Amino acid sequence: MLEINTIKNNPDLIIKKLQKRGLDVKQDIDLILQLNNQRIENQQKLDEMLAKGNQLAQNIGQFAKEKKFEKIEELKKIAGQIKIDSKELIEIAKNIEEKIKKQLIRIPNIPHDTVPEGKDDTNNIVIKTWEREFSDNTNKAEKLLPHWELAEKYDIIDFKTGSQITGSGFPVYKNLGAKLQRGLINFFLDYNASAGYTEYIPPYFVNEDSAFNTGQIPDKEGMMYHINNDNLYAIPTAEVPITNMFKNTRYNHNELPIKCTAYSPCFRREAGSYGKEVRGLNRLHQFDKVEIVQICDPKYSYKILEEMVEHVTKLLKELGLKFRIVQLCGGDLGFTSALTYDFEVYSVAQKKWLEVSSVSNFETYQANRLNLKCVNEEKKSILCHTLNGSSLALPRIVATILEQNQKENSITMPVVLHKYLGFDSITM
């Protein structure tokens, strides 16, 4: 959520920058400024009234000492009215604050200066593409099987049974497929831990406040599975519970950055998804993912973002997968993000790119909702910056490993996974 002072100090600049998202927020900004002026005026009246009440209390005490009881009764009547008027002003203040918050949550984060303009993903910019210099896979792309056919051929993922148990988008991993999942999770966690990330196992359900703090509510409310009786949400990513661990906290700058990693199942309704785009592992309602989160001093957040991008880059290189890095344009940028880089791996059988990670800097947007602050080098208490990234989401990684490493009667596993899997290939 944007800070009210940021809006007050730079309204025209914010309006201009949000045009990168294809949004015209002038009316929203104008209304917020109007409400903020009302809030200030109301607070001034309340402060004056409370000061007058305090003075009356002192006068009543003095008259009591002097036994001027006739004057005390008169002042008590005035004090009583002040108390009533003060309650009214306090109620007005609450209503104004609610209106301001209602308007603030309508406005997404301000795009970073480097974010390109654009309406949708067709306007995103490819920053880098990488693939192995050589490959022992001699098959031509025209002959390669898609991962869902490979899963059936080698009996490692059962889409039909998962659909019978729950519905589409809930596969059953079995045999070496289950071991591949477990091995990837352990490899990702170890890789992150070796880079200084502390591992956590968070709750897989969060309350409404937690979902709001990280921006899932109200922006992505329809995407989340909701348990009505308990008013809890199944997490769409470990980012939500991990980031909420730091709610209402304040750190000294020398305690930052804080680096966290966590594995979790993720749950997403993905309403409206259908057709070939969701076939196999392309898009699931339940999937596994390892997440990285950092809390930092704003002064260093974009340097840290670059480090996180490099961290995920090296991880994909370790797996030997062809991938590319894409900078999202304003129209494709997530609601809470100021700058996002997507990582996409190449499906050689489907001949398309599949997103496996988003690395984002949210600047103060989440921290403002969380009341997450730090004391910087100038001894000022300021909002922290929060960042997160997938390291990595498993389904499309599995799909790409299967497709990119298939041979006629086997699928070779990346060398880096051998010690985690206990096998080096999947065979008939």
Protein backbone atom coordinates (compact mmCIF):
# COMPACT_ATOMS: atom_id res chain seq x y z
CA MET A 1 0.00 0.00 0.00
CA LEU A 2 1.35 3.42 -0.94
CA GLU A 3 2.30 5.78 1.87
CA ILE A 4 0.00 8.77 2.32
CA ASN A 5 2.98 11.16 2.59
CA THR A 6 4.38 9.87 -0.71
CA ILE A 7 1.09 10.65 -2.40
CA LYS A 8 0.82 14.06 -0.71
CA ASN A 9 4.35 15.07 -1.71
CA ASN A 10 4.33 13.71 -5.29
CA PRO A 11 0.73 13.36 -6.57
CA ASP A 12 1.45 14.32 -10.19
CA LEU A 13 4.51 12.05 -10.40
CA ILE A 14 2.55 9.07 -9.05
CA ILE A 15 -0.26 9.69 -11.55
CA LYS A 16 2.27 9.81 -14.38
CA LYS A 17 4.16 6.67 -13.30
CA LEU A 18 0.99 4.61 -12.91
CA GLN A 19 0.16 5.38 -16.53
CA LYS A 20 2.80 2.73 -17.31
CA ARG A 21 0.28 0.24 -15.98
CA GLY A 22 -2.37 1.67 -18.29
CA LEU A 23 -4.17 3.27 -15.34
CA ASP A 24 -5.61 6.73 -14.80
CA VAL A 25 -5.65 7.22 -11.02
CA LYS A 26 -6.10 10.99 -10.93
CA GLN A 27 -9.59 10.82 -9.39
CA ASP A 28 -8.39 8.32 -6.77
CA ILE A 29 -5.38 10.47 -5.88
CA ASP A 30 -7.48 13.64 -5.71
CA LEU A 31 -9.98 11.93 -3.41
CA ILE A 32 -7.20 10.64 -1.13
CA LEU A 33 -5.73 14.15 -0.84
CA GLN A 34 -9.17 15.58 -0.10
CA LEU A 35 -9.81 12.98 2.59
CA ASN A 36 -6.36 13.55 4.06
CA ASN A 37 -7.11 17.28 4.39
CA GLN A 38 -10.37 16.41 6.16
CA ARG A 39 -8.44 14.09 8.46
CA ILE A 40 -5.96 16.85 9.34
CA GLU A 41 -8.69 19.42 9.97
CA ASN A 42 -10.65 16.97 12.10
CA GLN A 43 -7.52 16.07 14.10
CA GLN A 44 -6.80 19.74 14.73
CA LYS A 45 -10.32 20.25 16.10
CA LEU A 46 -9.94 17.15 18.27
CA ASP A 47 -6.55 18.28 19.60
CA GLU A 48 -7.93 21.71 20.48
CA MET A 49 -10.95 20.18 22.18
CA LEU A 50 -8.84 17.72 24.19
CA ALA A 51 -6.51 20.56 25.24
CA LYS A 52 -9.53 22.57 26.38
CA GLY A 53 -10.80 19.55 28.30
CA ASN A 54 -7.45 19.15 30.04
CA GLN A 55 -7.48 22.82 31.01
CA LEU A 56 -10.98 22.49 32.41
CA ALA A 57 -9.90 19.51 34.49
CA GLN A 58 -7.07 21.57 35.97
CA ASN A 59 -9.47 24.46 36.69
CA ILE A 60 -11.94 22.12 38.39
CA GLY A 61 -9.14 20.80 40.57
CA GLN A 62 -8.09 24.29 41.52
CA PHE A 63 -11.65 25.38 42.33
CA ALA A 64 -12.08 22.28 44.47
CA LYS A 65 -9.05 23.30 46.52
CA GLU A 66 -10.51 26.79 46.86
CA LYS A 67 -13.95 25.31 47.66
CA LYS A 68 -15.60 27.31 44.88
CA PHE A 69 -18.19 24.61 44.29
CA GLU A 70 -20.66 26.77 42.35
CA LYS A 71 -18.04 27.26 39.60
CA ILE A 72 -17.19 23.54 39.54
CA GLU A 73 -20.72 22.53 38.49
CA GLU A 74 -20.67 24.98 35.63
CA LEU A 75 -17.30 23.69 34.38
CA LYS A 76 -18.44 20.06 34.69
CA LYS A 77 -21.31 20.76 32.29
CA ILE A 78 -18.86 22.23 29.75
CA ALA A 79 -16.48 19.29 30.26
CA GLY A 80 -19.33 16.84 29.71
CA GLN A 81 -20.20 18.44 26.37
CA ILE A 82 -16.54 18.40 25.36
CA LYS A 83 -16.45 14.67 26.08
CA ILE A 84 -19.49 14.10 23.85
CA ASP A 85 -18.06 16.27 21.05
CA SER A 86 -14.68 14.56 21.30
CA LYS A 87 -16.27 11.12 20.84
CA GLU A 88 -18.01 12.40 17.72
CA LEU A 89 -14.73 13.70 16.30
CA ILE A 90 -12.99 10.42 17.10
CA GLU A 91 -15.74 8.56 15.25
CA ILE A 92 -15.40 10.95 12.30
CA ALA A 93 -11.63 10.29 12.30
CA LYS A 94 -12.23 6.53 12.14
CA ASN A 95 -14.62 6.94 9.22
CA ILE A 96 -12.14 9.13 7.34
CA GLU A 97 -9.31 6.63 7.94
CA GLU A 98 -11.48 3.81 6.61
CA LYS A 99 -12.29 5.83 3.49
CA ILE A 100 -8.61 6.63 2.94
CA LYS A 101 -7.64 2.97 3.33
CA LYS A 102 -10.42 1.92 0.95
CA GLN A 103 -8.99 4.27 -1.67
CA LEU A 104 -5.35 3.35 -1.02
CA ILE A 105 -5.91 -0.37 -1.55
CA ARG A 106 -7.35 0.40 -4.98
CA ILE A 107 -4.00 1.78 -6.15
CA PRO A 108 -1.21 -0.64 -7.16
CA ASN A 109 2.47 -0.12 -6.53
CA ILE A 110 4.37 2.50 -8.49
CA PRO A 111 6.46 0.93 -11.29
CA HIS A 112 10.21 1.42 -11.08
CA ASP A 113 11.70 3.87 -13.59
CA THR A 114 13.18 0.98 -15.62
CA VAL A 115 9.82 -0.76 -16.11
CA PRO A 116 8.85 -0.53 -19.81
CA GLU A 117 5.43 0.68 -20.86
CA GLY A 118 3.04 -1.91 -22.27
CA LYS A 119 -0.42 -3.40 -22.03
CA ASP A 120 0.30 -7.12 -21.54
CA ASP A 121 2.93 -9.88 -21.74
CA THR A 122 3.48 -9.22 -25.45
CA ASN A 123 5.22 -6.00 -24.40
CA ASN A 124 7.62 -7.67 -21.94
CA ILE A 125 11.33 -7.47 -22.72
CA VAL A 126 13.61 -10.52 -22.98
CA ILE A 127 16.77 -9.64 -21.05
CA LYS A 128 18.75 -12.83 -21.47
CA THR A 129 18.48 -16.32 -22.98
CA TRP A 130 20.70 -19.25 -21.95
CA GLU A 131 21.14 -22.87 -23.03
CA ARG A 132 23.83 -25.49 -22.80
CA GLU A 133 26.59 -25.26 -25.39
CA PHE A 134 26.18 -28.94 -26.18
CA SER A 135 23.69 -31.70 -25.45
CA ASP A 136 23.78 -35.48 -25.57
CA ASN A 137 20.12 -35.47 -26.59
CA THR A 138 20.29 -36.37 -30.28
CA ASN A 139 16.51 -36.42 -30.85
CA LYS A 140 15.00 -33.73 -33.01
CA ALA A 141 12.29 -31.54 -31.49
CA GLU A 142 9.72 -32.89 -33.93
CA LYS A 143 10.09 -36.36 -32.42
CA LEU A 144 10.03 -35.37 -28.77
CA LEU A 145 7.07 -36.34 -26.59
CA PRO A 146 5.33 -33.82 -24.33
CA HIS A 147 5.80 -34.40 -20.62
CA TRP A 148 2.29 -35.80 -20.05
CA GLU A 149 2.99 -38.59 -22.55
CA LEU A 150 6.39 -39.22 -20.97
CA ALA A 151 4.74 -39.36 -17.54
CA GLU A 152 2.39 -42.09 -18.75
CA LYS A 153 5.09 -43.94 -20.69
CA TYR A 154 7.37 -44.21 -17.64
CA ASP A 155 4.54 -44.44 -15.07
CA ILE A 156 5.75 -41.51 -12.95
CA ILE A 157 2.77 -39.11 -12.84
CA ASP A 158 -0.88 -40.18 -12.82
CA PHE A 159 -3.11 -37.35 -14.03
CA LYS A 160 -6.22 -39.55 -14.42
CA THR A 161 -6.26 -40.83 -10.84
CA GLY A 162 -5.61 -37.36 -9.45
CA SER A 163 -8.57 -36.08 -11.42
CA GLN A 164 -10.76 -38.87 -10.05
CA ILE A 165 -9.71 -38.15 -6.46
CA THR A 166 -10.07 -34.38 -6.59
CA GLY A 167 -10.37 -32.89 -10.06
CA SER A 168 -8.18 -31.64 -12.88
CA GLY A 169 -5.05 -29.86 -11.76
CA PHE A 170 -4.30 -32.29 -8.89
CA PRO A 171 -1.87 -34.96 -10.22
CA VAL A 172 -0.55 -37.98 -8.34
CA TYR A 173 3.24 -38.34 -8.44
CA LYS A 174 4.41 -41.95 -8.15
CA ASN A 175 7.49 -44.12 -8.30
CA LEU A 176 10.48 -42.18 -9.64
CA GLY A 177 8.20 -39.18 -10.26
CA ALA A 178 7.63 -38.84 -6.52
CA LYS A 179 11.35 -39.20 -5.85
CA LEU A 180 12.09 -36.55 -8.47
CA GLN A 181 9.75 -34.13 -6.67
CA ARG A 182 11.35 -34.82 -3.29
CA GLY A 183 14.86 -34.59 -4.70
CA LEU A 184 14.20 -31.24 -6.37
CA ILE A 185 12.74 -29.79 -3.16
CA ASN A 186 15.79 -30.84 -1.14
CA PHE A 187 18.18 -29.60 -3.82
CA PHE A 188 16.49 -26.19 -3.98
CA LEU A 189 16.46 -25.81 -0.19
CA ASP A 190 20.11 -26.80 0.15
CA TYR A 191 21.07 -24.44 -2.67
CA ASN A 192 19.27 -21.55 -0.96
CA ALA A 193 20.68 -22.39 2.45
CA SER A 194 24.21 -22.37 1.02
CA ALA A 195 23.56 -18.77 -0.08
CA GLY A 196 22.69 -17.69 3.46
CA TYR A 197 18.93 -18.17 3.47
CA THR A 198 17.41 -19.49 6.72
CA GLU A 199 14.97 -22.34 6.15
CA TYR A 200 11.43 -22.26 7.56
CA ILE A 201 8.38 -24.50 7.47
CA PRO A 202 5.47 -22.04 7.61
CA PRO A 203 1.72 -22.63 8.11
CA TYR A 204 -0.07 -23.53 4.89
CA PHE A 205 -3.16 -21.52 5.84
CA VAL A 206 -3.32 -17.82 6.72
CA ASN A 207 -5.94 -15.47 8.13
CA GLU A 208 -7.48 -12.56 6.27
CA ASP A 209 -5.09 -9.97 7.73
CA SER A 210 -2.05 -11.92 6.55
CA ALA A 211 -3.48 -12.28 3.05
CA PHE A 212 -4.13 -8.52 3.00
CA ASN A 213 -0.65 -7.62 4.25
CA THR A 214 1.14 -9.21 1.30
CA GLY A 215 -1.40 -8.03 -1.28
CA GLN A 216 -3.35 -11.23 -2.04
CA ILE A 217 -6.49 -9.51 -0.74
CA PRO A 218 -8.27 -7.83 -2.37
CA ASP A 219 -6.27 -8.17 -5.61
CA LYS A 220 -6.11 -11.99 -5.87
CA GLU A 221 -9.00 -12.97 -3.63
CA GLY A 222 -10.72 -15.00 -6.34
CA MET A 223 -7.57 -17.04 -6.91
CA MET A 224 -7.34 -18.28 -3.32
CA TYR A 225 -9.10 -21.27 -1.75
CA HIS A 226 -11.14 -20.04 1.22
CA ILE A 227 -12.32 -22.00 4.26
CA ASN A 228 -15.54 -20.24 5.22
CA ASN A 229 -16.06 -21.69 8.71
CA ASP A 230 -12.64 -20.56 9.91
CA ASN A 231 -12.12 -17.62 7.53
CA LEU A 232 -8.72 -18.98 6.53
CA TYR A 233 -7.04 -19.04 3.13
CA ALA A 234 -4.87 -21.81 1.67
CA ILE A 235 -1.60 -20.15 0.69
CA PRO A 236 -0.86 -19.52 -3.01
CA THR A 237 2.85 -19.20 -2.14
CA ALA A 238 5.10 -19.43 0.95
CA GLU A 239 5.79 -15.71 0.47
CA VAL A 240 2.54 -14.97 2.33
CA PRO A 241 3.24 -16.64 5.71
CA ILE A 242 7.00 -15.97 5.57
CA THR A 243 6.64 -12.22 4.98
CA ASN A 244 3.95 -11.99 7.66
CA MET A 245 6.39 -13.33 10.25
CA PHE A 246 7.82 -9.79 10.33
CA LYS A 247 4.59 -7.90 10.97
CA ASN A 248 4.86 -5.04 13.51
CA THR A 249 8.62 -5.34 13.87
CA ARG A 250 11.50 -2.89 13.66
CA TYR A 251 15.15 -3.70 12.96
CA ASN A 252 18.41 -1.82 13.10
CA HIS A 253 19.96 -1.46 9.65
CA ASN A 254 22.91 -3.66 10.67
CA GLU A 255 20.49 -6.55 11.31
CA LEU A 256 19.45 -6.52 7.66
CA PRO A 257 19.05 -8.10 5.22
CA ILE A 258 16.98 -10.97 6.55
CA LYS A 259 17.02 -13.93 4.14
CA CYS A 260 14.39 -16.67 4.32
CA THR A 261 13.60 -19.77 2.28
CA ALA A 262 10.72 -22.21 2.59
CA TYR A 263 9.18 -25.15 0.82
CA SER A 264 5.40 -25.37 0.72
CA PRO A 265 2.57 -26.78 -1.31
CA CYS A 266 0.75 -23.95 -3.07
CA PHE A 267 -2.96 -23.74 -3.84
CA ARG A 268 -4.47 -21.63 -6.62
CA ARG A 269 -7.95 -21.80 -8.06
CA GLU A 270 -6.83 -20.40 -11.43
CA ALA A 271 -10.48 -19.76 -12.35
CA GLY A 272 -11.14 -19.69 -16.08
CA SER A 273 -8.10 -21.80 -17.04
CA TYR A 274 -8.81 -24.37 -19.72
CA GLY A 275 -7.53 -26.06 -22.87
CA LYS A 276 -3.98 -26.89 -23.91
CA GLU A 277 -2.54 -24.17 -21.65
CA VAL A 278 -3.39 -26.27 -18.58
CA ARG A 279 -2.58 -29.71 -19.96
CA GLY A 280 -0.29 -31.91 -17.87
CA LEU A 281 1.84 -29.87 -15.48
CA ASN A 282 1.41 -26.57 -17.31
CA ARG A 283 -0.98 -25.15 -14.72
CA LEU A 284 -2.04 -26.86 -11.51
CA HIS A 285 -4.35 -26.03 -8.60
CA GLN A 286 -1.93 -27.68 -6.15
CA PHE A 287 1.81 -27.65 -6.70
CA ASP A 288 5.11 -27.57 -4.81
CA LYS A 289 7.39 -24.56 -4.69
CA VAL A 290 10.48 -23.35 -2.85
CA GLU A 291 10.46 -19.62 -2.14
CA ILE A 292 13.07 -17.04 -1.17
CA VAL A 293 12.19 -13.82 0.70
CA GLN A 294 14.37 -10.90 1.78
CA ILE A 295 13.72 -7.98 4.13
CA CYS A 296 16.18 -5.12 3.67
CA ASP A 297 17.14 -1.48 4.06
CA PRO A 298 15.63 0.43 1.07
CA LYS A 299 19.11 1.75 0.24
CA TYR A 300 20.22 -1.70 -0.90
CA SER A 301 17.04 -3.30 -2.27
CA TYR A 302 17.84 -3.05 -5.98
CA LYS A 303 21.33 -4.43 -5.49
CA ILE A 304 19.69 -7.30 -3.60
CA LEU A 305 17.18 -7.77 -6.42
CA GLU A 306 20.09 -8.21 -8.85
CA GLU A 307 21.66 -10.75 -6.48
CA MET A 308 18.40 -12.71 -6.29
CA VAL A 309 18.12 -12.74 -10.08
CA GLU A 310 21.67 -14.07 -10.31
CA HIS A 311 20.87 -16.65 -7.62
CA VAL A 312 17.98 -18.10 -9.66
CA THR A 313 20.04 -17.85 -12.87
CA LYS A 314 22.77 -20.06 -11.42
CA LEU A 315 20.19 -22.53 -10.11
CA LEU A 316 18.68 -23.03 -13.57
CA LYS A 317 22.16 -23.37 -15.07
CA GLU A 318 22.91 -26.10 -12.51
CA LEU A 319 19.90 -27.99 -13.88
CA GLY A 320 21.13 -27.44 -17.43
CA LEU A 321 17.76 -26.15 -18.64
CA LYS A 322 17.29 -23.74 -21.50
CA PHE A 323 15.75 -20.59 -20.02
CA ARG A 324 15.28 -16.88 -20.50
CA ILE A 325 14.84 -13.85 -18.23
CA VAL A 326 12.00 -11.45 -19.02
CA GLN A 327 11.40 -7.99 -17.55
CA LEU A 328 7.69 -7.37 -17.11
CA CYS A 329 6.13 -4.27 -18.61
CA GLY A 330 3.77 -1.99 -16.68
CA GLY A 331 0.60 -3.70 -17.88
CA ASP A 332 1.83 -7.18 -16.88
CA LEU A 333 3.36 -6.14 -13.55
CA GLY A 334 1.85 -7.66 -10.41
CA PHE A 335 -0.34 -5.37 -8.28
CA THR A 336 2.16 -5.11 -5.40
CA SER A 337 5.40 -5.17 -7.40
CA ALA A 338 7.59 -2.24 -8.41
CA LEU A 339 9.85 -4.35 -10.65
CA THR A 340 9.63 -8.02 -11.65
CA TYR A 341 11.82 -10.40 -13.64
CA ASP A 342 10.25 -13.65 -14.81
CA PHE A 343 12.27 -16.78 -15.53
CA GLU A 344 10.89 -19.02 -18.26
CA VAL A 345 12.12 -22.47 -19.28
CA TYR A 346 11.65 -23.84 -22.77
CA SER A 347 9.32 -26.75 -23.45
CA VAL A 348 10.93 -28.41 -26.46
CA ALA A 349 7.93 -30.67 -27.12
CA GLN A 350 5.28 -27.95 -26.76
CA LYS A 351 7.62 -25.39 -28.40
CA LYS A 352 6.81 -22.62 -25.93
CA TRP A 353 8.19 -20.88 -22.87
CA LEU A 354 6.89 -21.73 -19.38
CA GLU A 355 7.27 -19.42 -16.38
CA VAL A 356 8.99 -21.06 -13.39
CA SER A 357 9.97 -18.06 -11.25
CA SER A 358 9.17 -14.42 -10.63
CA VAL A 359 11.69 -12.31 -8.72
CA SER A 360 10.22 -9.03 -7.49
CA ASN A 361 10.96 -5.93 -5.45
CA PHE A 362 7.87 -4.63 -3.66
CA GLU A 363 9.72 -1.67 -2.14
CA THR A 364 7.59 -0.38 0.81
CA TYR A 365 4.23 -1.58 -0.54
CA GLN A 366 3.97 -4.69 1.66
CA ALA A 367 5.97 -3.20 4.53
CA ASN A 368 3.45 -0.36 4.88
CA ARG A 369 0.65 -2.87 5.44
CA LEU A 370 2.85 -4.95 7.72
CA ASN A 371 4.19 -2.00 9.75
CA LEU A 372 7.66 -3.41 9.08
CA LYS A 373 10.38 -0.83 9.75
CA CYS A 374 14.10 -0.36 10.20
CA VAL A 375 16.32 2.31 11.72
CA ASN A 376 18.62 3.35 8.90
CA GLU A 377 22.19 4.65 8.99
CA GLU A 378 20.86 8.19 9.55
CA LYS A 379 19.04 6.95 12.69
CA LYS A 380 15.62 7.45 11.07
CA SER A 381 12.80 4.93 11.42
CA ILE A 382 11.65 4.07 7.89
CA LEU A 383 9.70 1.32 6.16
CA CYS A 384 11.73 -1.68 4.97
CA HIS A 385 11.72 -3.03 1.44
CA THR A 386 10.53 -6.60 0.83
CA LEU A 387 11.55 -8.87 -2.04
CA ASN A 388 10.70 -12.41 -3.02
CA GLY A 389 11.25 -14.99 -5.72
CA SER A 390 10.53 -18.58 -6.67
CA SER A 391 13.56 -20.79 -6.29
CA LEU A 392 11.88 -22.70 -7.86
CA ALA A 393 8.32 -23.75 -8.73
CA LEU A 394 8.42 -27.48 -9.42
CA PRO A 395 5.74 -28.50 -11.97
CA ARG A 396 7.16 -26.81 -15.06
CA ILE A 397 10.72 -27.59 -13.95
CA VAL A 398 9.75 -31.28 -13.86
CA ALA A 399 8.01 -30.95 -17.24
CA THR A 400 11.09 -29.34 -18.78
CA ILE A 401 13.54 -31.83 -17.27
CA LEU A 402 11.50 -34.67 -18.74
CA GLU A 403 11.16 -33.08 -22.17
CA GLN A 404 14.66 -31.62 -22.58
CA ASN A 405 16.44 -34.78 -21.39
CA GLN A 406 14.41 -37.51 -23.08
CA LYS A 407 15.97 -40.18 -25.25
CA GLU A 408 14.37 -43.06 -27.09
CA ASN A 409 13.92 -45.29 -24.03
CA SER A 410 15.10 -43.20 -21.09
CA ILE A 411 15.17 -39.78 -19.51
CA THR A 412 18.53 -38.58 -18.22
CA MET A 413 18.52 -36.70 -14.92
CA PRO A 414 20.67 -33.57 -14.39
CA VAL A 415 23.99 -34.54 -12.80
CA VAL A 416 23.44 -32.14 -9.87
CA LEU A 417 20.36 -34.16 -8.84
CA HIS A 418 21.94 -37.62 -8.80
CA LYS A 419 22.88 -37.54 -5.10
CA TYR A 420 19.37 -36.34 -4.21
CA LEU A 421 17.54 -38.91 -6.34
CA GLY A 422 19.55 -42.08 -5.97
CA PHE A 423 19.22 -42.68 -9.72
CA ASP A 424 20.65 -41.02 -12.84
CA SER A 425 17.93 -41.79 -15.35
CA ILE A 426 14.34 -42.93 -15.70
CA THR A 427 13.94 -46.04 -17.84
CA MET A 428 11.18 -48.37 -18.98
